[in-house]
Amino acid sequence: MFGMKKRKTKSVIKGVVLWTLLTSVMLVIYGLSIPTQVMSRASLDQSCTLSVSKSWQNNFTIPRLSTKNKSAVCSPKVNIMFMKTHKTASSTLLNILFRFGEKNKLKFAFPNGRNDFFYPSPFLCSQVKDYQPRECFNIVCNHMRFNAQEVAKLLPLDTVYITILRDPADLFESSFHYYHRAVPLTWRISGEDKMTEFLRSPWTYYSPEAYNSFYLRNLLFFDFGFDNNLEADDSFVVRAIQTLSEHFHLILIAEYFEESLVLLKETLCWTIEDLLFFKFNVRQRSQVSRLTPELRAKALNWNGADWRLYQHFNSTFWTRVHTFGEKRMEQEVKELRRRISEMKAICIEGESAVEAKFIQNKNLLPWQPVGESSILGYNMKKDIDPKYRTLCRKMLTPEIQYLSDLGVSLWLTRLWGWLKSAIY
């Protein structure tokens, strides 16, 4: 018994030492790679030129009829800012934007060297690959810590701003399990169920200044550029919600993803073909913790600012659904699901996701959390009708591989992947 405890203690110490070394290396690399730029107020001279972006709109020569008013003509929107939040089905939406932008030869503002805009640092224009002042882009969609003034410099005035939220209790559960090995605060939590132990007494383990601590509290608030340690009753939380209401044209809700896409289709004047999707970053069921009512209440209380944010925009979301029409929404969701089922039958071997170890084509292997292989992926059918082969491949390609296909350098992301694989 003593020998077993001794070996376990050595294993824990070894893990801590390796992680300390890994974290130190990544922090040095991160510091060396962050672009240098002095923060400044956006001005007309710094903003992109609207006339440049209008040339992209001319790619669409066939106007589309609005489904709401057949006599009205609308053109698909091509200037889009998607604020990609963490653990909210945002990778699934990202694949939709990648395919639409690639198909229509739109101009993406991509990061340089990695798959995000140097998150968790606030976004700066200098983080964009080949950025030149006053240059217009059509789509910004990679992870960032939102900075409205800097983002506005990249996009024309007619840009549609969208984002997505998720129930904060479920988001906390997902974030805790996905990132806990990358958050040193969690390493000293004892027991098998670290999340439950954390929620019993968060301040025993949490420190706002600790490395990567933002993953453990009000992650949505942090992603939007606000202080994630504000309490729910802080007056600034109300002001922050109002600020987001003014910046974003549409806020999607992850729990109602299909309904959200229908509203997105209406907002962007896209077709249903533009919004077909397969789910990405889905975990094995065995890796998802069931939140008891007590744990759920604790998670919502701990993430009170996010909960207030979510409640507000969940309410405005259903107001939009009511305006759109409940019956009409039901019909459109049914049709979207039917089309997705058709594509699953055409593209996916077995028509469902599989564990990472069963994915035959490593180019379709999704990015995994540190020390785990809990994220499911897909096997593409081998006998696909040639007219669907390209679409199927793109619909099944995870974020990292798709970025590479689009010409993005990911040397930092790949180095991080190599280091974490070397340790585990």
Protein backbone atom coordinates (compact mmCIF):
# COMPACT_ATOMS: atom_id res chain seq x y z
CA MET A 1 0.00 0.00 0.00
CA PHE A 2 2.81 2.40 0.94
CA GLY A 3 4.58 1.56 -2.32
CA MET A 4 1.47 2.35 -4.36
CA LYS A 5 1.05 5.74 -2.67
CA LYS A 6 4.71 6.50 -3.23
CA ARG A 7 4.46 5.67 -6.95
CA LYS A 8 1.30 7.77 -7.26
CA THR A 9 3.01 10.72 -5.54
CA LYS A 10 5.98 10.43 -7.88
CA SER A 11 3.64 10.31 -10.88
CA VAL A 12 1.87 13.49 -9.72
CA ILE A 13 5.17 15.27 -9.11
CA LYS A 14 6.44 14.19 -12.52
CA GLY A 15 3.27 15.50 -14.16
CA VAL A 16 3.53 18.85 -12.38
CA VAL A 17 7.20 19.23 -13.33
CA LEU A 18 6.51 18.39 -16.98
CA TRP A 19 3.58 20.77 -17.12
CA THR A 20 5.57 23.55 -15.50
CA LEU A 21 8.28 23.06 -18.11
CA LEU A 22 5.76 22.94 -20.95
CA THR A 23 3.94 26.05 -19.72
CA SER A 24 7.21 27.96 -19.39
CA VAL A 25 8.28 27.05 -22.92
CA MET A 26 4.94 28.06 -24.39
CA LEU A 27 4.89 31.36 -22.50
CA VAL A 28 8.34 32.23 -23.87
CA ILE A 29 7.31 31.35 -27.42
CA TYR A 30 4.03 33.22 -26.98
CA GLY A 31 5.83 36.32 -25.74
CA LEU A 32 8.26 36.30 -28.64
CA SER A 33 5.53 35.84 -31.23
CA ILE A 34 3.01 38.52 -30.14
CA PRO A 35 2.98 41.36 -32.68
CA THR A 36 3.91 44.74 -31.29
CA GLN A 37 1.35 47.49 -31.73
CA VAL A 38 0.40 50.54 -29.73
CA MET A 39 -3.31 50.68 -28.94
CA SER A 40 -4.99 53.67 -30.54
CA ARG A 41 -8.48 54.91 -31.25
CA ALA A 42 -10.03 53.93 -34.53
CA SER A 43 -10.17 56.77 -37.00
CA LEU A 44 -11.52 57.19 -40.49
CA ASP A 45 -7.99 57.00 -41.88
CA GLN A 46 -7.36 53.68 -40.10
CA SER A 47 -10.65 52.08 -41.09
CA CYS A 48 -10.92 50.01 -44.23
CA THR A 49 -12.25 51.56 -47.41
CA LEU A 50 -15.90 50.70 -48.00
CA SER A 51 -15.60 50.92 -51.78
CA VAL A 52 -13.07 48.07 -51.76
CA SER A 53 -15.48 45.71 -50.03
CA LYS A 54 -18.32 46.62 -52.38
CA SER A 55 -16.41 45.04 -55.23
CA TRP A 56 -16.84 41.68 -53.52
CA GLN A 57 -20.60 42.17 -53.43
CA ASN A 58 -20.54 42.32 -57.22
CA ASN A 59 -19.53 38.64 -57.26
CA PHE A 60 -23.18 37.90 -56.62
CA THR A 61 -24.94 38.75 -59.83
CA ILE A 62 -28.17 36.86 -59.11
CA PRO A 63 -30.32 38.47 -56.41
CA ARG A 64 -32.22 36.18 -54.08
CA LEU A 65 -35.80 36.53 -52.99
CA SER A 66 -36.48 37.00 -49.30
CA THR A 67 -38.51 34.08 -47.97
CA LYS A 68 -40.52 36.52 -45.89
CA ASN A 69 -41.55 38.79 -48.72
CA LYS A 70 -41.46 37.24 -52.18
CA SER A 71 -41.81 40.64 -53.82
CA ALA A 72 -38.69 41.95 -52.10
CA VAL A 73 -35.20 41.26 -53.42
CA CYS A 74 -32.21 40.77 -51.15
CA SER A 75 -28.59 39.98 -51.84
CA PRO A 76 -26.53 37.66 -49.65
CA LYS A 77 -24.41 39.46 -47.08
CA VAL A 78 -20.68 38.89 -47.51
CA ASN A 79 -19.18 41.14 -44.83
CA ILE A 80 -19.38 39.22 -41.56
CA MET A 81 -17.78 39.45 -38.15
CA PHE A 82 -18.29 36.23 -36.18
CA MET A 83 -17.17 36.58 -32.59
CA LYS A 84 -16.15 32.97 -31.93
CA THR A 85 -16.78 32.17 -28.28
CA HIS A 86 -15.41 29.08 -26.53
CA LYS A 87 -17.31 25.81 -26.08
CA THR A 88 -20.52 27.08 -27.71
CA ALA A 89 -20.77 25.07 -30.97
CA SER A 90 -18.76 27.87 -32.55
CA SER A 91 -16.46 25.46 -34.44
CA THR A 92 -19.50 24.07 -36.23
CA LEU A 93 -20.49 27.57 -37.29
CA LEU A 94 -16.89 28.29 -38.28
CA ASN A 95 -16.98 25.46 -40.80
CA ILE A 96 -20.09 27.01 -42.36
CA LEU A 97 -18.32 30.36 -42.71
CA PHE A 98 -15.16 28.77 -44.12
CA ARG A 99 -17.17 27.00 -46.81
CA PHE A 100 -19.23 30.05 -47.72
CA GLY A 101 -16.19 32.32 -47.89
CA GLU A 102 -14.12 29.85 -49.89
CA LYS A 103 -16.93 29.11 -52.35
CA ASN A 104 -17.54 32.80 -52.99
CA LYS A 105 -13.84 33.79 -53.01
CA LEU A 106 -14.22 36.16 -50.07
CA LYS A 107 -11.31 37.65 -48.18
CA PHE A 108 -10.69 36.32 -44.67
CA ALA A 109 -8.76 38.15 -41.96
CA PHE A 110 -6.73 35.24 -40.61
CA PRO A 111 -4.28 34.99 -37.72
CA ASN A 112 -0.59 34.50 -38.39
CA GLY A 113 1.19 31.43 -37.03
CA ARG A 114 -1.70 30.00 -35.04
CA ASN A 115 -5.42 29.32 -35.21
CA ASP A 116 -6.50 32.25 -33.00
CA PHE A 117 -5.73 35.96 -32.73
CA PHE A 118 -3.22 35.53 -29.89
CA TYR A 119 -5.95 34.77 -27.39
CA PRO A 120 -6.21 35.66 -24.49
CA SER A 121 -4.59 38.99 -25.42
CA PRO A 122 -7.09 41.64 -26.62
CA PHE A 123 -7.41 41.66 -30.40
CA LEU A 124 -5.16 43.98 -32.43
CA CYS A 125 -5.16 44.51 -36.18
CA SER A 126 -1.45 43.69 -36.29
CA GLN A 127 -2.35 40.10 -35.38
CA VAL A 128 -3.94 39.67 -38.83
CA LYS A 129 -1.83 37.96 -41.45
CA ASP A 130 -0.48 40.48 -44.01
CA TYR A 131 -2.46 43.33 -42.46
CA GLN A 132 -2.14 46.75 -44.10
CA PRO A 133 -3.93 49.85 -42.75
CA ARG A 134 -7.21 50.66 -44.53
CA GLU A 135 -7.33 47.22 -46.14
CA CYS A 136 -10.81 45.68 -46.17
CA PHE A 137 -11.69 42.09 -45.32
CA ASN A 138 -14.98 40.28 -45.75
CA ILE A 139 -14.90 37.80 -42.89
CA VAL A 140 -13.33 37.76 -39.43
CA CYS A 141 -14.15 34.55 -37.57
CA ASN A 142 -11.26 33.05 -35.55
CA HIS A 143 -11.05 33.03 -31.75
CA MET A 144 -10.13 36.39 -30.24
CA ARG A 145 -10.69 38.46 -27.16
CA PHE A 146 -13.08 40.99 -28.61
CA ASN A 147 -11.87 44.55 -29.14
CA ALA A 148 -14.56 46.46 -31.03
CA GLN A 149 -12.39 49.44 -32.05
CA GLU A 150 -9.67 47.26 -33.57
CA VAL A 151 -12.11 44.93 -35.32
CA ALA A 152 -13.89 47.90 -36.91
CA LYS A 153 -10.67 48.87 -38.70
CA LEU A 154 -10.80 45.66 -40.74
CA LEU A 155 -14.39 45.68 -41.90
CA PRO A 156 -16.72 47.90 -43.91
CA LEU A 157 -19.60 49.74 -42.31
CA ASP A 158 -22.22 47.31 -43.62
CA THR A 159 -20.67 44.33 -41.82
CA VAL A 160 -23.07 42.01 -39.98
CA TYR A 161 -21.81 41.21 -36.47
CA ILE A 162 -22.87 37.82 -35.07
CA THR A 163 -21.90 35.63 -32.11
CA ILE A 164 -23.18 32.63 -30.17
CA LEU A 165 -23.89 31.97 -26.48
CA ARG A 166 -24.42 28.80 -24.45
CA ASP A 167 -26.06 28.10 -21.12
CA PRO A 168 -23.29 29.08 -18.65
CA ALA A 169 -23.69 25.99 -16.45
CA ASP A 170 -23.16 23.64 -19.39
CA LEU A 171 -20.43 25.89 -20.76
CA PHE A 172 -18.61 25.78 -17.40
CA GLU A 173 -18.82 21.99 -17.30
CA SER A 174 -17.46 21.73 -20.83
CA SER A 175 -14.71 24.29 -20.31
CA PHE A 176 -13.62 22.81 -16.99
CA HIS A 177 -13.15 19.34 -18.46
CA TYR A 178 -11.63 20.53 -21.74
CA TYR A 179 -9.08 22.94 -20.27
CA HIS A 180 -8.44 21.70 -16.72
CA ARG A 181 -5.03 20.24 -17.57
CA ALA A 182 -4.02 23.64 -18.97
CA VAL A 183 -5.16 25.52 -15.86
CA PRO A 184 -2.65 25.05 -13.00
CA LEU A 185 -5.31 26.11 -10.47
CA THR A 186 -6.99 22.72 -10.92
CA TRP A 187 -3.91 20.57 -10.40
CA ARG A 188 -4.13 20.61 -6.61
CA ILE A 189 -7.82 19.66 -6.48
CA SER A 190 -8.09 16.20 -4.96
CA GLY A 191 -10.50 13.41 -5.79
CA GLU A 192 -11.84 11.93 -9.00
CA ASP A 193 -14.52 14.57 -9.58
CA LYS A 194 -12.51 17.79 -9.61
CA MET A 195 -15.31 19.92 -10.99
CA THR A 196 -17.69 19.02 -8.14
CA GLU A 197 -14.98 19.68 -5.59
CA PHE A 198 -14.22 23.04 -7.23
CA LEU A 199 -17.87 24.14 -7.20
CA ARG A 200 -18.24 23.24 -3.53
CA SER A 201 -15.76 25.98 -2.64
CA PRO A 202 -14.50 27.89 -5.72
CA TRP A 203 -12.48 30.51 -3.84
CA THR A 204 -10.46 27.75 -2.19
CA TYR A 205 -8.91 26.99 -5.56
CA TYR A 206 -9.49 30.09 -7.70
CA SER A 207 -7.33 33.17 -8.12
CA PRO A 208 -8.16 35.86 -10.71
CA GLU A 209 -4.47 36.49 -11.45
CA ALA A 210 -3.53 32.85 -12.00
CA TYR A 211 -2.47 31.52 -15.40
CA ASN A 212 -5.46 30.62 -17.62
CA SER A 213 -7.88 31.23 -14.73
CA PHE A 214 -10.37 32.86 -17.12
CA TYR A 215 -11.37 29.40 -18.34
CA LEU A 216 -12.92 28.77 -14.92
CA ARG A 217 -15.20 31.79 -14.51
CA ASN A 218 -17.51 33.83 -16.77
CA LEU A 219 -15.70 32.71 -19.92
CA LEU A 220 -18.23 34.43 -22.18
CA PHE A 221 -17.68 37.75 -20.43
CA PHE A 222 -13.94 37.32 -20.82
CA ASP A 223 -14.21 36.46 -24.53
CA PHE A 224 -16.15 39.67 -25.14
CA GLY A 225 -13.32 41.67 -23.59
CA PHE A 226 -14.88 42.37 -20.20
CA ASP A 227 -13.72 41.65 -16.65
CA ASN A 228 -14.73 38.04 -15.98
CA ASN A 229 -14.51 38.50 -12.20
CA LEU A 230 -17.43 40.90 -11.95
CA GLU A 231 -20.34 39.79 -9.82
CA ALA A 232 -23.75 39.48 -11.46
CA ASP A 233 -25.17 42.48 -9.59
CA ASP A 234 -22.35 44.82 -10.64
CA SER A 235 -23.75 47.77 -12.59
CA PHE A 236 -21.07 47.30 -15.24
CA VAL A 237 -22.60 43.95 -16.19
CA VAL A 238 -25.76 45.75 -17.32
CA ARG A 239 -23.69 48.28 -19.28
CA ALA A 240 -21.69 45.47 -20.90
CA ILE A 241 -24.88 43.74 -22.04
CA GLN A 242 -26.13 47.01 -23.51
CA THR A 243 -22.81 47.47 -25.33
CA LEU A 244 -23.08 44.01 -26.90
CA SER A 245 -26.70 44.73 -27.89
CA GLU A 246 -25.46 47.76 -29.82
CA HIS A 247 -22.56 45.95 -31.51
CA PHE A 248 -24.13 42.66 -32.59
CA HIS A 249 -26.92 42.27 -35.13
CA LEU A 250 -27.68 38.65 -34.21
CA ILE A 251 -26.77 36.56 -31.18
CA LEU A 252 -27.28 32.84 -31.65
CA ILE A 253 -28.10 30.36 -28.88
CA ALA A 254 -26.24 27.03 -28.90
CA GLU A 255 -29.12 25.10 -27.31
CA TYR A 256 -31.29 26.08 -30.28
CA PHE A 257 -28.68 25.77 -32.99
CA GLU A 258 -31.02 24.96 -35.89
CA GLU A 259 -33.39 27.79 -34.98
CA SER A 260 -30.37 30.07 -34.76
CA LEU A 261 -29.26 29.08 -38.26
CA VAL A 262 -32.71 29.82 -39.64
CA LEU A 263 -32.51 33.33 -38.17
CA LEU A 264 -28.98 33.63 -39.56
CA LYS A 265 -30.22 32.61 -43.00
CA GLU A 266 -32.84 35.34 -42.82
CA THR A 267 -30.36 37.94 -41.57
CA LEU A 268 -27.70 37.17 -44.19
CA CYS A 269 -30.08 36.34 -47.03
CA TRP A 270 -28.35 33.00 -47.56
CA THR A 271 -29.84 29.73 -48.79
CA ILE A 272 -30.35 26.54 -46.81
CA GLU A 273 -27.47 24.99 -48.78
CA ASP A 274 -25.13 27.57 -47.27
CA LEU A 275 -26.04 26.45 -43.74
CA LEU A 276 -25.78 22.65 -43.90
CA PHE A 277 -23.49 21.34 -41.17
CA PHE A 278 -22.10 18.43 -39.20
CA LYS A 279 -21.36 18.95 -35.51
CA PHE A 280 -17.73 19.49 -34.49
CA ASN A 281 -15.97 19.16 -31.12
CA VAL A 282 -18.55 16.76 -29.70
CA ARG A 283 -17.29 14.84 -26.65
CA GLN A 284 -17.81 11.19 -25.87
CA ARG A 285 -20.85 10.83 -23.63
CA SER A 286 -18.71 9.14 -20.98
CA GLN A 287 -16.68 12.36 -20.70
CA VAL A 288 -19.70 14.62 -20.07
CA SER A 289 -20.55 15.20 -16.42
CA ARG A 290 -24.22 15.27 -15.55
CA LEU A 291 -25.01 18.42 -13.60
CA THR A 292 -27.34 17.77 -10.68
CA PRO A 293 -29.77 20.62 -9.85
CA GLU A 294 -27.49 21.53 -6.92
CA LEU A 295 -24.33 21.61 -9.07
CA ARG A 296 -26.11 23.50 -11.81
CA ALA A 297 -27.21 26.18 -9.32
CA LYS A 298 -23.63 26.46 -8.02
CA ALA A 299 -22.25 26.74 -11.56
CA LEU A 300 -24.72 29.49 -12.46
CA ASN A 301 -24.01 31.38 -9.26
CA TRP A 302 -20.26 31.13 -9.84
CA ASN A 303 -20.73 32.31 -13.44
CA GLY A 304 -23.31 34.94 -12.54
CA ALA A 305 -22.22 37.58 -15.07
CA ASP A 306 -22.44 35.04 -17.90
CA TRP A 307 -25.82 33.84 -16.62
CA ARG A 308 -27.21 37.39 -16.68
CA LEU A 309 -25.77 37.88 -20.17
CA TYR A 310 -27.30 34.61 -21.39
CA GLN A 311 -30.72 35.29 -19.89
CA HIS A 312 -30.92 38.67 -21.59
CA PHE A 313 -30.02 37.42 -25.07
CA ASN A 314 -31.99 34.20 -24.74
CA SER A 315 -35.03 36.45 -24.20
CA THR A 316 -34.26 38.66 -27.20
CA PHE A 317 -33.62 35.51 -29.27
CA TRP A 318 -37.14 34.21 -28.67
CA THR A 319 -38.57 37.64 -29.37
CA ARG A 320 -36.96 37.38 -32.81
CA VAL A 321 -38.34 33.88 -33.28
CA HIS A 322 -41.82 35.18 -32.46
CA THR A 323 -41.40 37.98 -35.01
CA PHE A 324 -40.15 35.48 -37.56
CA GLY A 325 -43.16 33.24 -36.88
CA GLU A 326 -43.24 30.08 -34.73
CA LYS A 327 -44.97 27.97 -37.37
CA ARG A 328 -42.65 29.19 -40.08
CA MET A 329 -39.66 28.49 -37.81
CA GLU A 330 -40.89 24.95 -37.14
CA GLN A 331 -41.18 24.26 -40.87
CA GLU A 332 -37.74 25.68 -41.70
CA VAL A 333 -36.03 23.75 -38.89
CA LYS A 334 -37.71 20.56 -40.08
CA GLU A 335 -36.44 21.15 -43.62
CA LEU A 336 -32.91 21.96 -42.39
CA ARG A 337 -32.80 18.75 -40.35
CA ARG A 338 -34.04 16.76 -43.34
CA ARG A 339 -31.30 18.16 -45.57
CA ILE A 340 -28.64 17.47 -42.93
CA SER A 341 -29.84 13.87 -42.60
CA GLU A 342 -29.51 13.50 -46.36
CA MET A 343 -25.93 14.79 -46.24
CA LYS A 344 -25.06 12.42 -43.38
CA ALA A 345 -26.26 9.50 -45.49
CA ILE A 346 -24.22 10.75 -48.44
CA CYS A 347 -21.00 11.71 -46.62
CA ILE A 348 -20.48 9.90 -43.32
CA GLU A 349 -19.53 6.27 -42.83
CA GLY A 350 -22.12 4.89 -40.44
CA GLU A 351 -23.86 8.31 -40.46
CA SER A 352 -22.47 9.19 -37.02
CA ALA A 353 -19.36 10.40 -35.22
CA VAL A 354 -16.76 7.97 -33.87
CA GLU A 355 -14.00 8.04 -31.27
CA ALA A 356 -10.68 9.52 -32.33
CA LYS A 357 -8.96 6.11 -32.37
CA PHE A 358 -11.38 4.89 -35.04
CA ILE A 359 -10.87 7.81 -37.45
CA GLN A 360 -9.13 6.33 -40.47
CA ASN A 361 -8.04 9.54 -42.21
CA LYS A 362 -5.84 11.56 -39.86
CA ASN A 363 -6.63 14.69 -41.89
CA LEU A 364 -10.12 14.41 -40.38
CA LEU A 365 -8.85 13.96 -36.82
CA PRO A 366 -10.09 16.83 -34.60
CA TRP A 367 -7.85 18.72 -32.15
CA GLN A 368 -7.91 17.01 -28.76
CA PRO A 369 -7.71 18.40 -25.20
CA VAL A 370 -4.37 18.05 -23.44
CA GLY A 371 -3.77 14.45 -22.37
CA GLU A 372 -7.05 13.11 -23.78
CA SER A 373 -8.72 11.85 -26.95
CA SER A 374 -12.29 12.62 -25.96
CA ILE A 375 -13.41 14.60 -29.03
CA LEU A 376 -15.31 12.63 -31.65
CA GLY A 377 -14.78 12.90 -35.40
CA TYR A 378 -15.95 11.35 -38.65
CA ASN A 379 -15.01 8.83 -41.28
CA MET A 380 -15.85 9.89 -44.81
CA LYS A 381 -17.53 7.35 -47.07
CA LYS A 382 -15.34 5.96 -49.81
CA ASP A 383 -18.03 5.50 -52.48
CA ILE A 384 -19.43 9.04 -52.55
CA ASP A 385 -21.02 10.36 -55.72
CA PRO A 386 -18.31 12.57 -57.33
CA LYS A 387 -20.63 15.60 -57.35
CA TYR A 388 -20.74 15.49 -53.52
CA ARG A 389 -17.16 14.46 -52.78
CA THR A 390 -15.67 17.95 -52.41
CA LEU A 391 -18.58 19.23 -50.33
CA CYS A 392 -18.46 16.19 -48.06
CA ARG A 393 -14.73 16.57 -47.48
CA LYS A 394 -15.08 20.24 -46.58
CA MET A 395 -18.06 19.60 -44.29
CA LEU A 396 -16.01 16.96 -42.45
CA THR A 397 -12.73 18.89 -42.20
CA PRO A 398 -11.91 20.13 -38.67
CA GLU A 399 -10.86 23.72 -38.01
CA ILE A 400 -7.07 23.27 -37.90
CA GLN A 401 -6.91 21.30 -41.15
CA TYR A 402 -9.34 23.67 -42.89
CA LEU A 403 -7.21 26.67 -41.92
CA SER A 404 -4.19 24.92 -43.43
CA ASP A 405 -6.18 24.24 -46.61
CA LEU A 406 -6.96 27.96 -46.76
CA GLY A 407 -3.25 28.79 -46.60
CA VAL A 408 -2.89 29.81 -42.94
CA SER A 409 0.48 29.22 -41.29
CA LEU A 410 -0.03 27.33 -38.02
CA TRP A 411 3.51 26.79 -36.80
CA LEU A 412 2.75 27.84 -33.21
CA THR A 413 -0.39 25.71 -33.04
CA ARG A 414 1.46 22.70 -34.43
CA LEU A 415 4.38 23.23 -32.04
CA TRP A 416 1.96 23.28 -29.13
CA GLY A 417 0.34 20.09 -30.44
CA TRP A 418 3.74 18.39 -30.72
CA LEU A 419 4.76 19.40 -27.18
CA LYS A 420 1.55 18.15 -25.56
CA SER A 421 1.77 14.89 -27.51
CA ALA A 422 5.39 14.45 -26.41
CA ILE A 423 4.40 14.68 -22.75
CA TYR A 424 1.38 12.36 -22.93
